[in-house]
Amino acid sequence: MPPKGRKAKKAPKRKIVDEEISDNLQDDDELLNMENAVMPGLEQEELTQEQKEEMILKTLTSHNPQAPHNITKFSYKDRVFKTDDNSVEHMVFHYNVDGDALLVDCDEARDQEEYHDNKKRTD
């Protein structure tokens, strides 16, 4: 509600814009298939032929840069903090799911619901 003494501003009317559908689909496909070398970007750096032919190799390793290099644990037996360098975990799970996913409308999901309903009745 607008404050007293002021009128609320009306939103401007939006115009509906009809886009023309291109009848010449071959031109559209040709534009999509053009190589980036033909149409450089606005901020693309120009490379020399030597730089284009240079091979860049990357090697994947099992080293985890986020893993701690040393882990300190308290030993209750010796009553001292001990550093353990050997037990660093390098495995990282980015996504882990135990189980299956079912669509609600599929036959297996209906069978599963019937099974659970029958189990509830018998219990």
C-alpha atoms as a PDB file:
ATOM      1  CA  MET A   1       0.000   0.000   0.000  1.00  0.00           C
ATOM      2  CA  PRO A   2       1.488   3.381  -0.946  1.00  0.00           C
ATOM      3  CA  PRO A   3       2.070   6.021   1.727  1.00  0.00           C
ATOM      4  CA  LYS A   4      -0.641   8.621   2.210  1.00  0.00           C
ATOM      5  CA  GLY A   5      -0.545  11.538  -0.177  1.00  0.00           C
ATOM      6  CA  ARG A   6       1.387   9.692  -2.884  1.00  0.00           C
ATOM      7  CA  LYS A   7       0.023   7.813  -5.825  1.00  0.00           C
ATOM      8  CA  ALA A   8       1.337   4.397  -6.684  1.00  0.00           C
ATOM      9  CA  LYS A   9       3.271   4.192  -9.943  1.00  0.00           C
ATOM     10  CA  LYS A  10       1.853   1.851 -12.503  1.00  0.00           C
ATOM     11  CA  ALA A  11       4.171  -0.629 -14.158  1.00  0.00           C
ATOM     12  CA  PRO A  12       4.792   0.108 -17.829  1.00  0.00           C
ATOM     13  CA  LYS A  13       2.979  -2.143 -20.258  1.00  0.00           C
ATOM     14  CA  ARG A  14       5.188  -4.744 -21.832  1.00  0.00           C
ATOM     15  CA  LYS A  15       5.070  -5.158 -25.545  1.00  0.00           C
ATOM     16  CA  ILE A  16       4.840  -8.631 -26.963  1.00  0.00           C
ATOM     17  CA  VAL A  17       7.560  -9.234 -29.512  1.00  0.00           C
ATOM     18  CA  ASP A  18       7.049 -11.959 -32.070  1.00  0.00           C
ATOM     19  CA  GLU A  19      10.272 -13.487 -33.302  1.00  0.00           C
ATOM     20  CA  GLU A  20      10.469 -14.548 -36.892  1.00  0.00           C
ATOM     21  CA  ILE A  21      11.274 -18.188 -37.410  1.00  0.00           C
ATOM     22  CA  SER A  22      14.000 -18.554 -39.963  1.00  0.00           C
ATOM     23  CA  ASP A  23      12.886 -20.465 -43.037  1.00  0.00           C
ATOM     24  CA  ASN A  24      16.452 -20.915 -44.190  1.00  0.00           C
ATOM     25  CA  LEU A  25      17.729 -23.431 -41.623  1.00  0.00           C
ATOM     26  CA  GLN A  26      20.860 -24.195 -43.629  1.00  0.00           C
ATOM     27  CA  ASP A  27      22.262 -20.759 -42.823  1.00  0.00           C
ATOM     28  CA  ASP A  28      21.664 -21.351 -39.118  1.00  0.00           C
ATOM     29  CA  ASP A  29      23.453 -24.707 -39.225  1.00  0.00           C
ATOM     30  CA  GLU A  30      26.386 -23.173 -41.076  1.00  0.00           C
ATOM     31  CA  LEU A  31      26.728 -20.476 -38.420  1.00  0.00           C
ATOM     32  CA  LEU A  32      26.699 -23.060 -35.622  1.00  0.00           C
ATOM     33  CA  ASN A  33      29.288 -25.233 -37.338  1.00  0.00           C
ATOM     34  CA  MET A  34      31.787 -22.438 -38.045  1.00  0.00           C
ATOM     35  CA  GLU A  35      35.125 -22.784 -36.289  1.00  0.00           C
ATOM     36  CA  ASN A  36      36.191 -20.343 -33.593  1.00  0.00           C
ATOM     37  CA  ALA A  37      39.398 -19.620 -35.521  1.00  0.00           C
ATOM     38  CA  VAL A  38      37.368 -17.866 -38.203  1.00  0.00           C
ATOM     39  CA  MET A  39      35.531 -15.656 -35.705  1.00  0.00           C
ATOM     40  CA  PRO A  40      37.916 -14.629 -32.894  1.00  0.00           C
ATOM     41  CA  GLY A  41      36.403 -13.325 -29.664  1.00  0.00           C
ATOM     42  CA  LEU A  42      36.583  -9.712 -28.620  1.00  0.00           C
ATOM     43  CA  GLU A  43      39.206 -10.343 -25.948  1.00  0.00           C
ATOM     44  CA  GLN A  44      40.981 -13.268 -27.599  1.00  0.00           C
ATOM     45  CA  GLU A  45      44.750 -13.075 -27.694  1.00  0.00           C
ATOM     46  CA  GLU A  46      46.493 -13.612 -31.006  1.00  0.00           C
ATOM     47  CA  LEU A  47      48.994 -16.495 -30.895  1.00  0.00           C
ATOM     48  CA  THR A  48      52.054 -16.983 -33.047  1.00  0.00           C
ATOM     49  CA  GLN A  49      52.441 -20.165 -35.093  1.00  0.00           C
ATOM     50  CA  GLU A  50      55.090 -21.383 -32.631  1.00  0.00           C
ATOM     51  CA  GLN A  51      52.713 -20.916 -29.715  1.00  0.00           C
ATOM     52  CA  LYS A  52      49.926 -22.746 -31.569  1.00  0.00           C
ATOM     53  CA  GLU A  53      52.177 -25.764 -32.237  1.00  0.00           C
ATOM     54  CA  GLU A  54      53.474 -25.952 -28.650  1.00  0.00           C
ATOM     55  CA  MET A  55      52.410 -29.136 -26.828  1.00  0.00           C
ATOM     56  CA  ILE A  56      51.200 -28.692 -23.255  1.00  0.00           C
ATOM     57  CA  LEU A  57      51.167 -31.873 -21.189  1.00  0.00           C
ATOM     58  CA  LYS A  58      49.311 -32.287 -17.913  1.00  0.00           C
ATOM     59  CA  THR A  59      49.797 -35.276 -15.639  1.00  0.00           C
ATOM     60  CA  LEU A  60      47.183 -36.573 -13.238  1.00  0.00           C
ATOM     61  CA  THR A  61      48.563 -37.724  -9.918  1.00  0.00           C
ATOM     62  CA  SER A  62      47.044 -39.298  -6.842  1.00  0.00           C
ATOM     63  CA  HIS A  63      48.312 -36.496  -4.599  1.00  0.00           C
ATOM     64  CA  ASN A  64      45.506 -34.608  -2.875  1.00  0.00           C
ATOM     65  CA  PRO A  65      46.574 -30.990  -2.269  1.00  0.00           C
ATOM     66  CA  GLN A  66      43.768 -30.522   0.270  1.00  0.00           C
ATOM     67  CA  ALA A  67      44.882 -33.462   2.423  1.00  0.00           C
ATOM     68  CA  PRO A  68      46.835 -32.575   5.574  1.00  0.00           C
ATOM     69  CA  HIS A  69      50.549 -33.296   5.486  1.00  0.00           C
ATOM     70  CA  ASN A  70      50.728 -34.369   9.100  1.00  0.00           C
ATOM     71  CA  ILE A  71      48.065 -35.470  11.562  1.00  0.00           C
ATOM     72  CA  THR A  72      48.609 -35.112  15.278  1.00  0.00           C
ATOM     73  CA  LYS A  73      46.726 -37.429  17.640  1.00  0.00           C
ATOM     74  CA  PHE A  74      46.799 -37.762  21.392  1.00  0.00           C
ATOM     75  CA  SER A  75      48.095 -41.088  22.683  1.00  0.00           C
ATOM     76  CA  TYR A  76      46.299 -41.889  25.940  1.00  0.00           C
ATOM     77  CA  LYS A  77      48.702 -44.734  26.618  1.00  0.00           C
ATOM     78  CA  ASP A  78      51.814 -42.519  26.496  1.00  0.00           C
ATOM     79  CA  ARG A  79      49.940 -39.295  27.429  1.00  0.00           C
ATOM     80  CA  VAL A  80      51.689 -37.431  24.604  1.00  0.00           C
ATOM     81  CA  PHE A  81      50.649 -35.905  21.261  1.00  0.00           C
ATOM     82  CA  LYS A  82      52.091 -37.971  18.407  1.00  0.00           C
ATOM     83  CA  THR A  83      52.449 -36.940  14.773  1.00  0.00           C
ATOM     84  CA  ASP A  84      51.459 -39.615  12.290  1.00  0.00           C
ATOM     85  CA  ASP A  85      52.756 -38.912   8.764  1.00  0.00           C
ATOM     86  CA  ASN A  86      51.677 -42.210   7.201  1.00  0.00           C
ATOM     87  CA  SER A  87      47.901 -42.178   7.678  1.00  0.00           C
ATOM     88  CA  VAL A  88      46.924 -39.344   5.360  1.00  0.00           C
ATOM     89  CA  GLU A  89      43.728 -40.159   3.432  1.00  0.00           C
ATOM     90  CA  HIS A  90      43.975 -39.151  -0.215  1.00  0.00           C
ATOM     91  CA  MET A  91      40.607 -40.450  -1.390  1.00  0.00           C
ATOM     92  CA  VAL A  92      37.870 -37.839  -1.802  1.00  0.00           C
ATOM     93  CA  PHE A  93      34.249 -38.661  -2.607  1.00  0.00           C
ATOM     94  CA  HIS A  94      32.655 -35.813  -4.517  1.00  0.00           C
ATOM     95  CA  TYR A  95      29.309 -37.584  -4.716  1.00  0.00           C
ATOM     96  CA  ASN A  96      28.305 -40.820  -3.045  1.00  0.00           C
ATOM     97  CA  VAL A  97      24.843 -42.416  -2.953  1.00  0.00           C
ATOM     98  CA  ASP A  98      23.859 -45.758  -1.499  1.00  0.00           C
ATOM     99  CA  GLY A  99      20.594 -46.987  -2.939  1.00  0.00           C
ATOM    100  CA  ASP A 100      18.460 -46.716  -6.014  1.00  0.00           C
ATOM    101  CA  ALA A 101      16.220 -44.018  -7.423  1.00  0.00           C
ATOM    102  CA  LEU A 102      12.789 -44.861  -8.792  1.00  0.00           C
ATOM    103  CA  LEU A 103      10.351 -42.748 -10.714  1.00  0.00           C
ATOM    104  CA  VAL A 104       7.048 -42.363  -8.868  1.00  0.00           C
ATOM    105  CA  ASP A 105       5.004 -43.353 -11.916  1.00  0.00           C
ATOM    106  CA  CYS A 106       6.913 -46.524 -12.855  1.00  0.00           C
ATOM    107  CA  ASP A 107       5.758 -50.093 -12.203  1.00  0.00           C
ATOM    108  CA  GLU A 108       8.622 -50.841  -9.814  1.00  0.00           C
ATOM    109  CA  ALA A 109       7.640 -47.912  -7.578  1.00  0.00           C
ATOM    110  CA  ARG A 110       4.026 -49.125  -7.464  1.00  0.00           C
ATOM    111  CA  ASP A 111       5.191 -52.640  -6.621  1.00  0.00           C
ATOM    112  CA  GLN A 112       7.374 -51.251  -3.848  1.00  0.00           C
ATOM    113  CA  GLU A 113       4.485 -49.225  -2.380  1.00  0.00           C
ATOM    114  CA  GLU A 114       2.233 -52.298  -2.453  1.00  0.00           C
ATOM    115  CA  TYR A 115       4.942 -54.310  -0.699  1.00  0.00           C
ATOM    116  CA  HIS A 116       5.298 -51.694   2.056  1.00  0.00           C
ATOM    117  CA  ASP A 117       1.501 -51.428   2.458  1.00  0.00           C
ATOM    118  CA  ASN A 118       1.166 -55.201   2.750  1.00  0.00           C
ATOM    119  CA  LYS A 119       4.006 -55.295   5.262  1.00  0.00           C
ATOM    120  CA  LYS A 120       2.326 -52.598   7.407  1.00  0.00           C
ATOM    121  CA  ARG A 121      -0.960 -54.514   7.360  1.00  0.00           C
ATOM    122  CA  THR A 122       0.657 -57.752   8.456  1.00  0.00           C
ATOM    123  CA  ASP A 123       2.653 -56.080  11.221  1.00  0.00           C
END
